[in-house]
Amino acid sequence: MLSTREGLLSRAHEESSDDENYHLILNSTWLPQLTITGLDGLPSLADASNSVKKSITMRGSLRLPPTLNSKKAEEIMKKVLLEHPD
């Protein structure tokens, strides 16, 4: 693992060392996180170009805070993605 002095800093390392554990726990439990687990519709690296694709499919994993209902999170995500597809 790289030390914080080698450039890989998290929000936890922006604070004093007293707050580091607090932010590490907060980041891994309460803050929402979106991870892209797959993309379809992109060309291979050899065929890549600067062009607009007709459609791209993404699969993601959304980690929710324990206090956020999953149905409510789904409604919010749909609203954001449909209102701002770009």
C-alpha atoms as a PDB file:
ATOM      1  CA  MET A   1       0.000   0.000   0.000  1.00  0.00           C
ATOM      2  CA  LEU A   2       1.264   3.469  -0.845  1.00  0.00           C
ATOM      3  CA  SER A   3       1.826   5.925   1.927  1.00  0.00           C
ATOM      4  CA  THR A   4      -0.151   9.173   1.917  1.00  0.00           C
ATOM      5  CA  ARG A   5       3.009  10.994   0.938  1.00  0.00           C
ATOM      6  CA  GLU A   6       3.086   9.158  -2.414  1.00  0.00           C
ATOM      7  CA  GLY A   7       0.026  10.923  -3.792  1.00  0.00           C
ATOM      8  CA  LEU A   8      -2.960   8.658  -3.088  1.00  0.00           C
ATOM      9  CA  LEU A   9      -4.936  10.754  -0.635  1.00  0.00           C
ATOM     10  CA  SER A  10      -8.478  10.258   0.542  1.00  0.00           C
ATOM     11  CA  ARG A  11     -10.730  12.804   2.223  1.00  0.00           C
ATOM     12  CA  ALA A  12      -9.545  11.287   5.486  1.00  0.00           C
ATOM     13  CA  HIS A  13      -6.019  12.549   4.887  1.00  0.00           C
ATOM     14  CA  GLU A  14      -7.085  16.154   4.365  1.00  0.00           C
ATOM     15  CA  GLU A  15      -7.824  16.550   8.075  1.00  0.00           C
ATOM     16  CA  SER A  16      -5.604  16.224  11.099  1.00  0.00           C
ATOM     17  CA  SER A  17      -4.697  12.702  12.178  1.00  0.00           C
ATOM     18  CA  ASP A  18      -7.338  12.911  14.948  1.00  0.00           C
ATOM     19  CA  ASP A  19     -10.046  13.022  12.279  1.00  0.00           C
ATOM     20  CA  GLU A  20      -8.531  10.386   9.987  1.00  0.00           C
ATOM     21  CA  ASN A  21     -10.323   7.368  11.473  1.00  0.00           C
ATOM     22  CA  TYR A  22     -13.610   9.260  11.553  1.00  0.00           C
ATOM     23  CA  HIS A  23     -13.412  10.031   7.823  1.00  0.00           C
ATOM     24  CA  LEU A  24     -12.243   6.537   6.905  1.00  0.00           C
ATOM     25  CA  ILE A  25     -15.291   5.049   8.643  1.00  0.00           C
ATOM     26  CA  LEU A  26     -17.586   7.700   7.167  1.00  0.00           C
ATOM     27  CA  ASN A  27     -16.282   7.073   3.626  1.00  0.00           C
ATOM     28  CA  SER A  28     -16.721   3.312   3.885  1.00  0.00           C
ATOM     29  CA  THR A  29     -20.141   3.221   5.543  1.00  0.00           C
ATOM     30  CA  TRP A  30     -22.288   6.357   5.260  1.00  0.00           C
ATOM     31  CA  LEU A  31     -21.332   8.157   2.060  1.00  0.00           C
ATOM     32  CA  PRO A  32     -22.967   6.966  -1.173  1.00  0.00           C
ATOM     33  CA  GLN A  33     -20.600   5.506  -3.735  1.00  0.00           C
ATOM     34  CA  LEU A  34     -21.162   4.732  -7.420  1.00  0.00           C
ATOM     35  CA  THR A  35     -18.945   2.113  -9.013  1.00  0.00           C
ATOM     36  CA  ILE A  36     -19.134   1.466 -12.756  1.00  0.00           C
ATOM     37  CA  THR A  37     -18.910  -2.304 -13.158  1.00  0.00           C
ATOM     38  CA  GLY A  38     -19.377  -2.550 -16.922  1.00  0.00           C
ATOM     39  CA  LEU A  39     -19.779  -0.605 -20.164  1.00  0.00           C
ATOM     40  CA  ASP A  40     -21.122  -1.831 -23.498  1.00  0.00           C
ATOM     41  CA  GLY A  41     -21.234  -0.001 -26.811  1.00  0.00           C
ATOM     42  CA  LEU A  42     -17.762   1.518 -26.684  1.00  0.00           C
ATOM     43  CA  PRO A  43     -15.312   0.690 -29.475  1.00  0.00           C
ATOM     44  CA  SER A  44     -12.099  -1.143 -28.744  1.00  0.00           C
ATOM     45  CA  LEU A  45      -9.057   0.984 -27.999  1.00  0.00           C
ATOM     46  CA  ALA A  46      -7.680   0.295 -31.488  1.00  0.00           C
ATOM     47  CA  ASP A  47     -10.926   1.560 -33.099  1.00  0.00           C
ATOM     48  CA  ALA A  48     -11.551   4.460 -30.705  1.00  0.00           C
ATOM     49  CA  SER A  49     -12.336   7.864 -32.141  1.00  0.00           C
ATOM     50  CA  ASN A  50     -13.624  11.248 -31.051  1.00  0.00           C
ATOM     51  CA  SER A  51     -17.275  10.715 -32.014  1.00  0.00           C
ATOM     52  CA  VAL A  52     -20.719  10.577 -30.444  1.00  0.00           C
ATOM     53  CA  LYS A  53     -22.067   7.066 -29.956  1.00  0.00           C
ATOM     54  CA  LYS A  54     -25.719   6.281 -30.625  1.00  0.00           C
ATOM     55  CA  SER A  55     -26.031   4.446 -27.333  1.00  0.00           C
ATOM     56  CA  ILE A  56     -23.865   3.184 -24.521  1.00  0.00           C
ATOM     57  CA  THR A  57     -25.015   0.830 -21.791  1.00  0.00           C
ATOM     58  CA  MET A  58     -23.593   1.075 -18.290  1.00  0.00           C
ATOM     59  CA  ARG A  59     -23.992  -1.197 -15.320  1.00  0.00           C
ATOM     60  CA  GLY A  60     -23.176   0.211 -11.925  1.00  0.00           C
ATOM     61  CA  SER A  61     -23.295  -0.568  -8.272  1.00  0.00           C
ATOM     62  CA  LEU A  62     -24.636   2.132  -5.975  1.00  0.00           C
ATOM     63  CA  ARG A  63     -23.850   1.893  -2.278  1.00  0.00           C
ATOM     64  CA  LEU A  64     -26.406   3.754  -0.211  1.00  0.00           C
ATOM     65  CA  PRO A  65     -26.190   5.237   3.263  1.00  0.00           C
ATOM     66  CA  PRO A  66     -28.052   3.070   5.793  1.00  0.00           C
ATOM     67  CA  THR A  67     -30.705   5.753   6.259  1.00  0.00           C
ATOM     68  CA  LEU A  68     -31.639   6.063   2.547  1.00  0.00           C
ATOM     69  CA  ASN A  69     -34.472   3.865   1.305  1.00  0.00           C
ATOM     70  CA  SER A  70     -33.492   1.984  -1.875  1.00  0.00           C
ATOM     71  CA  LYS A  71     -36.772   2.833  -3.646  1.00  0.00           C
ATOM     72  CA  LYS A  72     -36.214   6.541  -2.945  1.00  0.00           C
ATOM     73  CA  ALA A  73     -32.639   6.270  -4.264  1.00  0.00           C
ATOM     74  CA  GLU A  74     -33.939   4.563  -7.413  1.00  0.00           C
ATOM     75  CA  GLU A  75     -36.456   7.382  -7.987  1.00  0.00           C
ATOM     76  CA  ILE A  76     -33.737  10.024  -7.535  1.00  0.00           C
ATOM     77  CA  MET A  77     -31.327   8.260  -9.926  1.00  0.00           C
ATOM     78  CA  LYS A  78     -33.996   7.810 -12.610  1.00  0.00           C
ATOM     79  CA  LYS A  79     -35.018  11.450 -12.337  1.00  0.00           C
ATOM     80  CA  VAL A  80     -31.432  12.720 -12.606  1.00  0.00           C
ATOM     81  CA  LEU A  81     -30.506  10.432 -15.504  1.00  0.00           C
ATOM     82  CA  LEU A  82     -33.686  11.118 -17.488  1.00  0.00           C
ATOM     83  CA  GLU A  83     -33.628  14.883 -16.952  1.00  0.00           C
ATOM     84  CA  HIS A  84     -29.909  15.175 -17.759  1.00  0.00           C
ATOM     85  CA  PRO A  85     -28.983  12.405 -20.210  1.00  0.00           C
ATOM     86  CA  ASP A  86     -25.858  14.241 -21.326  1.00  0.00           C
END
